[in-house]
Amino acid sequence: MRVQTFSRAQILQDFRLRCLALAANDNRGFKQEFDELDEVGKDLPARVGDSGVNREKNRYPHILPYDHCRVRLSIQNAQPHTDYINANFVPGGGSERDFICTQGPLHNTVADFWRMVWEQNVRIIVMVTALRHRDQVLCDKYWPLERGTVHHGRIQVTTMTCKLGPDYFITTINLRQRACPTDRTITHYYYPAWPDRGVPREASSLVAFTETVRQELEATPLLGPAVVHCSAGVGRSGTFVTVLWLMQLCARGIPPDIRAAVEDLRLHRMWMVQTLEQYLLVHQCLLHWLSGGSSARPQAQGAAAHINRHVQDQPRGSSGRGREAGGRRRPPPQQQQQQRRQTAPGGRQQNAVQQILHPGKLLRRLLPSSSRFNPDSP
């Protein structure tokens, strides 16, 4: 059956009106949609991850992969439990296995992580968390931050180059397995400015990062799924996959259905898009992107010297219990001026609906007044 497609302008117009309707009466529509998703997937079994032999492989004991779509590793030394990793295949518009969402590797699961990357023929890894916040480790360092080589199990991991974007790093990693004559090239996208269980301070930053990954996915023939992870592999990972998935649909003229996308993802991994703030962020990102807000590809600069300092200088503030602070550098003056000069498509004056849902004002309009998130905080 042929799918009806629409122009980008029509998708944007309809999506703006829908967001305005959902935001009425103190975000009543958004809250209702998000609440209706609360029970999705909760009856699905996750017995393998909860078994005693595998519990030490979970970063968080209450966040486990569903059995029906968990990623299975090869069996090692005839030990059946060696096939376990806290990871699920999730859809992304093309198939049920477009992405693998997983937790940030632990010290004792780094070798399993790289074994998964090798066995699933992964060529793109997206990391949407800092390595640590204060004294809390959110993800163990599983690749060399600077040029160099480390070994994890049978996998040799070599950092070749690193490029610095406005808020993220793109690292080229070479993988080689013992006794295997061929090597593989992995592109690692690292976006550290996203607080745990929260949202970035500026949606435009996440939109630019996601668009960079989207362009790479469009241009590169993938032999396996892309890996997406944060710390737990559910909140930020689910939000990123939702935004990317719906960007790809919109680019093909298909209007976004955020509720349906999140519901589908939650049938594959628990708690995908974990908070109301993250659910609202998906709407904001799509509005910003549909309005033409995105950045060009990052400059090809050597960034290895910057990564260690960036990791050490991770967010020092606090944005509520169980969260990290946003910790994001301000853009350079030229970029700030460019952002201020941006106008509505075609130069037409925005109407009242467009002004209310202007990307720069959307979080103020949509977030509950009791939210601890402050988009203007330094």
Protein backbone atom coordinates (compact mmCIF):
# COMPACT_ATOMS: atom_id res chain seq x y z
CA MET A 1 0.00 0.00 0.00
CA ARG A 2 1.34 3.41 -0.97
CA VAL A 3 2.02 5.73 1.97
CA GLN A 4 0.65 9.25 1.58
CA THR A 5 3.36 11.87 1.87
CA PHE A 6 3.24 15.58 2.59
CA SER A 7 5.48 18.59 2.09
CA ARG A 8 7.75 19.68 4.91
CA ALA A 9 5.77 22.92 5.23
CA GLN A 10 2.50 21.02 5.64
CA ILE A 11 4.02 18.65 8.21
CA LEU A 12 5.36 21.64 10.15
CA GLN A 13 2.04 23.48 10.07
CA ASP A 14 0.04 20.48 11.27
CA PHE A 15 2.62 19.56 13.88
CA ARG A 16 2.64 23.10 15.31
CA LEU A 17 -1.11 23.06 15.68
CA ARG A 18 -1.03 19.67 17.36
CA CYS A 19 1.62 20.84 19.84
CA LEU A 20 -0.44 23.91 20.64
CA ALA A 21 -3.51 21.75 21.33
CA LEU A 22 -1.51 19.38 23.57
CA ALA A 23 -0.03 22.33 25.49
CA ALA A 24 -3.42 23.82 26.39
CA ASN A 25 -4.56 23.81 30.03
CA ASP A 26 -1.10 23.47 31.56
CA ASN A 27 0.16 20.79 29.14
CA ARG A 28 -2.83 18.60 29.79
CA GLY A 29 -2.54 16.80 26.45
CA PHE A 30 1.15 16.07 26.83
CA LYS A 31 0.71 14.79 30.37
CA GLN A 32 -2.19 12.58 29.34
CA GLU A 33 -0.28 11.05 26.44
CA PHE A 34 2.78 10.41 28.58
CA ASP A 35 0.72 8.92 31.42
CA GLU A 36 -1.04 6.59 28.98
CA LEU A 37 2.36 5.15 28.05
CA ASP A 38 3.22 4.28 31.64
CA GLU A 39 2.11 0.64 31.53
CA VAL A 40 3.42 -0.13 28.03
CA GLY A 41 5.74 -3.13 28.11
CA LYS A 42 5.61 -3.67 31.87
CA ASP A 43 4.16 -7.16 31.49
CA LEU A 44 7.03 -8.31 29.23
CA PRO A 45 9.48 -10.74 30.87
CA ALA A 46 13.11 -9.84 31.58
CA ARG A 47 14.10 -13.04 33.35
CA VAL A 48 17.55 -13.54 31.83
CA GLY A 49 18.85 -10.19 33.03
CA ASP A 50 17.40 -10.78 36.48
CA SER A 51 19.04 -14.17 36.94
CA GLY A 52 21.67 -14.35 39.64
CA VAL A 53 24.53 -15.10 37.28
CA ASN A 54 23.84 -11.95 35.23
CA ARG A 55 22.94 -9.38 37.87
CA GLU A 56 26.49 -8.09 38.23
CA LYS A 57 26.43 -7.22 34.52
CA ASN A 58 23.61 -4.67 34.99
CA ARG A 59 24.54 -1.10 35.82
CA TYR A 60 21.14 -0.54 37.45
CA PRO A 61 19.37 -3.58 38.98
CA HIS A 62 15.87 -2.40 38.00
CA ILE A 63 16.69 -1.69 34.33
CA LEU A 64 16.84 -4.99 32.45
CA PRO A 65 16.53 -6.02 28.80
CA TYR A 66 13.32 -7.69 27.69
CA ASP A 67 13.90 -11.34 26.84
CA HIS A 68 12.09 -11.33 23.50
CA CYS A 69 14.43 -8.84 21.79
CA ARG A 70 17.60 -8.92 23.88
CA VAL A 71 20.91 -8.99 22.04
CA ARG A 72 22.48 -12.42 22.34
CA LEU A 73 26.25 -12.75 22.28
CA SER A 74 28.07 -15.87 21.15
CA ILE A 75 28.56 -18.54 23.80
CA GLN A 76 32.07 -18.57 25.28
CA ASN A 77 33.69 -21.76 26.59
CA ALA A 78 30.36 -23.61 26.56
CA GLN A 79 29.07 -21.37 29.37
CA PRO A 80 25.43 -20.43 28.57
CA HIS A 81 25.40 -17.22 30.65
CA THR A 82 28.17 -15.72 28.48
CA ASP A 83 25.59 -14.77 25.84
CA TYR A 84 24.15 -12.01 28.07
CA ILE A 85 24.51 -8.25 27.71
CA ASN A 86 22.11 -5.57 28.92
CA ALA A 87 20.99 -4.52 25.43
CA ASN A 88 17.90 -4.68 23.22
CA PHE A 89 17.23 -4.44 19.53
CA VAL A 90 14.80 -1.57 18.91
CA PRO A 91 13.05 -0.29 15.77
CA GLY A 92 13.88 2.89 13.93
CA GLY A 93 11.51 3.02 10.99
CA GLY A 94 13.12 0.40 8.78
CA SER A 95 13.04 -2.82 10.79
CA GLU A 96 12.77 -4.21 14.31
CA ARG A 97 16.57 -4.12 14.54
CA ASP A 98 17.60 -0.70 13.30
CA PHE A 99 19.25 0.18 16.61
CA ILE A 100 20.71 -1.49 19.66
CA CYS A 101 20.00 0.44 22.86
CA THR A 102 22.22 -0.54 25.74
CA GLN A 103 23.58 0.65 29.07
CA GLY A 104 26.91 2.41 29.39
CA PRO A 105 29.52 -0.36 29.71
CA LEU A 106 30.68 -1.38 33.17
CA HIS A 107 34.30 -2.25 33.94
CA ASN A 108 33.35 -5.94 33.83
CA THR A 109 31.26 -5.65 30.62
CA VAL A 110 33.52 -3.58 28.35
CA ALA A 111 34.80 -6.71 26.61
CA ASP A 112 31.21 -7.88 26.12
CA PHE A 113 30.29 -4.48 24.67
CA TRP A 114 33.02 -4.65 22.04
CA ARG A 115 32.18 -8.30 21.33
CA MET A 116 28.60 -7.17 20.65
CA VAL A 117 29.82 -4.42 18.33
CA TRP A 118 31.94 -6.92 16.42
CA GLU A 119 29.36 -9.73 16.24
CA GLN A 120 26.51 -7.42 15.19
CA ASN A 121 28.67 -5.68 12.57
CA VAL A 122 28.06 -2.29 14.15
CA ARG A 123 29.71 0.67 12.40
CA ILE A 124 28.18 3.61 14.32
CA ILE A 125 28.08 4.15 18.10
CA VAL A 126 26.18 7.08 19.61
CA MET A 127 26.98 7.96 23.24
CA VAL A 128 24.61 10.49 24.84
CA THR A 129 26.04 10.75 28.35
CA ALA A 130 29.11 12.08 30.08
CA LEU A 131 31.49 9.50 31.50
CA ARG A 132 30.91 10.77 35.01
CA HIS A 133 29.16 13.38 37.10
CA ARG A 134 31.16 14.44 40.15
CA ASP A 135 32.05 11.16 41.89
CA GLN A 136 29.45 9.07 40.08
CA VAL A 137 30.59 6.97 37.13
CA LEU A 138 27.86 7.02 34.49
CA CYS A 139 29.77 4.99 31.92
CA ASP A 140 33.17 3.32 32.08
CA LYS A 141 35.74 4.54 29.56
CA TYR A 142 35.69 1.87 26.88
CA TRP A 143 37.80 3.53 24.15
CA PRO A 144 41.06 5.53 24.20
CA LEU A 145 40.24 9.23 24.52
CA GLU A 146 43.46 10.09 22.72
CA ARG A 147 45.25 8.31 19.90
CA GLY A 148 46.26 4.90 21.13
CA THR A 149 45.32 1.24 21.47
CA VAL A 150 43.71 -0.84 24.22
CA HIS A 151 42.65 -4.49 24.31
CA HIS A 152 39.34 -5.76 25.66
CA GLY A 153 39.09 -9.53 25.51
CA ARG A 154 39.86 -10.57 21.95
CA ILE A 155 39.16 -7.11 20.52
CA GLN A 156 41.85 -4.51 19.84
CA VAL A 157 40.46 -0.96 19.98
CA THR A 158 42.49 1.86 18.42
CA THR A 159 41.53 5.53 18.36
CA MET A 160 42.67 6.95 15.02
CA THR A 161 41.28 10.51 14.76
CA CYS A 162 38.93 12.80 16.65
CA LYS A 163 36.94 15.80 15.38
CA LEU A 164 35.44 18.47 17.58
CA GLY A 165 31.90 19.71 16.93
CA PRO A 166 30.07 22.51 18.76
CA ASP A 167 29.04 20.25 21.67
CA TYR A 168 30.23 16.80 20.69
CA PHE A 169 33.14 14.68 19.52
CA ILE A 170 33.36 12.36 16.51
CA THR A 171 36.05 9.71 16.89
CA THR A 172 37.22 7.22 14.29
CA ILE A 173 38.02 3.88 15.90
CA ASN A 174 39.74 0.89 14.32
CA LEU A 175 38.71 -2.57 15.53
CA ARG A 176 40.69 -5.73 15.06
CA GLN A 177 39.98 -9.19 16.44
CA ARG A 178 42.68 -11.71 17.24
CA ALA A 179 43.20 -14.30 14.52
CA CYS A 180 41.03 -12.24 12.14
CA PRO A 181 42.84 -10.83 9.08
CA THR A 182 40.42 -7.95 8.56
CA ASP A 183 39.79 -4.81 10.59
CA ARG A 184 36.77 -2.52 10.83
CA THR A 185 36.22 1.20 11.15
CA ILE A 186 33.77 2.47 13.76
CA THR A 187 32.49 6.05 14.00
CA HIS A 188 31.87 7.08 17.61
CA TYR A 189 29.60 10.08 18.29
CA TYR A 190 30.02 11.42 21.82
CA TYR A 191 27.54 14.00 23.17
CA PRO A 192 28.42 14.60 26.86
CA ALA A 193 26.26 17.66 27.57
CA TRP A 194 23.02 15.80 28.29
CA PRO A 195 22.19 15.44 32.01
CA ASP A 196 21.00 12.13 33.42
CA ARG A 197 17.16 11.85 33.40
CA GLY A 198 17.00 15.45 32.10
CA VAL A 199 17.23 17.44 28.88
CA PRO A 200 19.98 19.52 27.27
CA ARG A 201 19.93 23.23 28.02
CA GLU A 202 19.36 24.05 24.35
CA ALA A 203 17.37 21.80 22.07
CA SER A 204 19.15 23.31 19.07
CA SER A 205 22.35 21.65 20.28
CA LEU A 206 20.74 18.20 20.31
CA VAL A 207 19.08 18.85 16.95
CA ALA A 208 22.44 19.68 15.36
CA PHE A 209 24.02 16.56 16.86
CA THR A 210 21.15 14.30 15.79
CA GLU A 211 21.12 15.76 12.29
CA THR A 212 24.86 15.02 11.98
CA VAL A 213 24.23 11.38 12.91
CA ARG A 214 21.20 11.21 10.62
CA GLN A 215 23.20 12.42 7.64
CA GLU A 216 25.85 9.81 8.36
CA LEU A 217 23.24 7.07 8.54
CA GLU A 218 21.72 8.25 5.28
CA ALA A 219 25.08 8.36 3.51
CA THR A 220 26.62 5.15 4.88
CA PRO A 221 25.43 1.69 3.87
CA LEU A 222 25.12 -0.01 7.26
CA LEU A 223 25.94 -3.68 7.63
CA GLY A 224 24.52 -3.85 11.13
CA PRO A 225 22.47 -1.78 13.59
CA ALA A 226 23.72 1.43 15.15
CA VAL A 227 24.41 1.28 18.88
CA VAL A 228 22.93 4.03 21.08
CA HIS A 229 23.69 4.24 24.78
CA CYS A 230 23.59 6.61 27.73
CA SER A 231 24.10 5.42 31.30
CA ALA A 232 21.02 3.20 31.72
CA GLY A 233 20.19 3.00 28.01
CA VAL A 234 16.54 4.01 28.34
CA GLY A 235 15.82 7.73 28.90
CA ARG A 236 18.29 9.69 26.82
CA SER A 237 18.88 6.75 24.46
CA GLY A 238 15.14 6.41 23.83
CA THR A 239 14.75 10.15 23.33
CA PHE A 240 17.60 10.26 20.82
CA VAL A 241 16.27 7.29 18.84
CA THR A 242 12.76 8.79 18.78
CA VAL A 243 14.01 12.14 17.46
CA LEU A 244 16.24 10.50 14.84
CA TRP A 245 13.56 8.05 13.74
CA LEU A 246 10.93 10.77 13.27
CA MET A 247 13.40 13.08 11.53
CA GLN A 248 13.97 10.31 8.99
CA LEU A 249 10.22 9.87 8.49
CA CYS A 250 9.63 13.62 8.11
CA ALA A 251 12.44 13.81 5.55
CA ARG A 252 10.44 11.29 3.52
CA GLY A 253 7.22 13.28 3.86
CA ILE A 254 5.62 11.18 6.61
CA PRO A 255 4.12 13.15 9.54
CA PRO A 256 5.53 12.26 12.97
CA ASP A 257 3.51 10.31 15.53
CA ILE A 258 5.55 10.68 18.70
CA ARG A 259 3.21 8.77 20.97
CA ALA A 260 3.16 5.76 18.64
CA ALA A 261 6.94 5.81 18.26
CA VAL A 262 7.54 5.87 22.02
CA GLU A 263 4.97 3.11 22.52
CA ASP A 264 6.76 0.95 19.95
CA LEU A 265 10.13 1.58 21.57
CA ARG A 266 8.78 0.72 25.03
CA LEU A 267 7.65 -2.64 23.69
CA HIS A 268 11.34 -3.35 22.96
CA ARG A 269 13.10 -1.78 25.95
CA MET A 270 11.67 -0.56 29.23
CA TRP A 271 11.26 3.14 30.06
CA MET A 272 12.35 4.45 26.68
CA VAL A 273 11.88 8.24 26.91
CA GLN A 274 11.86 8.16 30.68
CA THR A 275 10.48 11.54 31.77
CA LEU A 276 7.84 14.05 30.73
CA GLU A 277 10.62 16.55 30.08
CA GLN A 278 12.20 14.17 27.59
CA TYR A 279 8.82 13.55 25.93
CA LEU A 280 8.40 17.31 25.52
CA LEU A 281 11.96 17.58 24.23
CA VAL A 282 11.13 15.27 21.32
CA HIS A 283 8.40 17.69 20.26
CA GLN A 284 10.69 20.68 20.60
CA CYS A 285 13.48 19.07 18.59
CA LEU A 286 11.16 18.15 15.74
CA LEU A 287 9.65 21.65 15.66
CA HIS A 288 13.10 23.20 15.58
CA TRP A 289 14.33 20.83 12.87
CA LEU A 290 11.21 21.15 10.70
CA SER A 291 11.56 24.94 10.96
CA GLY A 292 14.98 24.67 9.37
CA GLY A 293 17.09 24.75 12.51
CA SER A 294 20.22 22.64 12.13
CA SER A 295 23.95 23.12 11.93
CA ALA A 296 26.49 22.14 9.35
CA ARG A 297 28.88 19.26 9.90
CA PRO A 298 31.60 19.91 12.50
CA GLN A 299 34.95 21.29 11.48
CA ALA A 300 37.69 18.71 11.04
CA GLN A 301 39.79 19.72 14.02
CA GLY A 302 42.00 17.53 16.14
CA ALA A 303 40.22 17.28 19.47
CA ALA A 304 42.10 14.63 21.41
CA ALA A 305 43.69 17.28 23.62
CA HIS A 306 40.28 18.68 24.51
CA ILE A 307 38.54 15.45 25.51
CA ASN A 308 40.31 14.78 28.79
CA ARG A 309 39.69 18.35 29.94
CA HIS A 310 36.06 18.14 28.82
CA VAL A 311 35.51 14.94 30.77
CA GLN A 312 37.19 16.37 33.85
CA ASP A 313 35.18 19.59 33.64
CA GLN A 314 31.82 17.84 33.46
CA PRO A 315 28.75 19.53 34.99
CA ARG A 316 29.33 20.84 38.50
CA GLY A 317 25.84 22.15 39.17
CA SER A 318 22.76 20.23 40.18
CA SER A 319 19.44 19.99 38.40
CA GLY A 320 17.54 17.85 40.88
CA ARG A 321 17.87 14.52 42.56
CA GLY A 322 19.14 11.74 40.32
CA ARG A 323 20.26 14.18 37.61
CA GLU A 324 23.42 15.70 36.34
CA ALA A 325 23.68 19.35 35.44
CA GLY A 326 23.70 20.38 31.81
CA GLY A 327 27.32 21.55 31.61
CA ARG A 328 27.42 23.04 28.13
CA ARG A 329 29.82 25.57 26.66
CA ARG A 330 28.33 28.73 25.18
CA PRO A 331 28.63 28.92 21.38
CA PRO A 332 31.23 31.27 19.90
CA PRO A 333 30.14 34.88 19.21
CA GLN A 334 29.74 34.26 15.48
CA GLN A 335 27.36 31.37 16.15
CA GLN A 336 25.38 33.42 18.67
CA GLN A 337 24.95 36.19 16.08
CA GLN A 338 23.86 33.66 13.49
CA GLN A 339 21.27 32.23 15.88
CA ARG A 340 19.92 35.73 16.61
CA ARG A 341 19.59 36.44 12.89
CA GLN A 342 17.50 33.34 12.20
CA THR A 343 13.96 34.14 11.06
CA ALA A 344 10.91 32.15 10.04
CA PRO A 345 11.09 30.26 6.69
CA GLY A 346 10.53 32.56 3.76
CA GLY A 347 10.96 35.66 5.92
CA ARG A 348 7.24 35.78 6.70
CA GLN A 349 6.15 37.23 10.00
CA GLN A 350 5.19 34.48 12.43
CA ASN A 351 1.59 34.29 13.57
CA ALA A 352 0.51 33.84 17.18
CA VAL A 353 0.75 30.04 17.06
CA GLN A 354 4.27 30.18 15.62
CA GLN A 355 5.36 32.67 18.25
CA ILE A 356 4.06 30.51 21.09
CA LEU A 357 5.82 27.46 19.68
CA HIS A 358 8.98 29.23 18.55
CA PRO A 359 11.83 26.79 19.25
CA GLY A 360 13.55 29.25 21.55
CA LYS A 361 10.43 29.58 23.71
CA LEU A 362 9.02 26.09 23.53
CA LEU A 363 10.40 24.72 26.80
CA ARG A 364 9.11 27.77 28.68
CA ARG A 365 5.67 27.17 27.16
CA LEU A 366 5.52 23.40 27.54
CA LEU A 367 7.40 22.51 30.70
CA PRO A 368 5.36 22.42 33.91
CA SER A 369 5.87 25.48 36.08
CA SER A 370 7.19 23.26 38.87
CA SER A 371 9.98 21.91 36.69
CA ARG A 372 13.46 22.25 38.06
CA PHE A 373 14.82 22.67 34.54
CA ASN A 374 15.86 26.24 33.77
CA PRO A 375 16.80 26.87 30.13
CA ASP A 376 18.31 30.24 31.04
CA SER A 377 20.59 29.00 33.82
CA PRO A 378 24.27 29.72 33.22
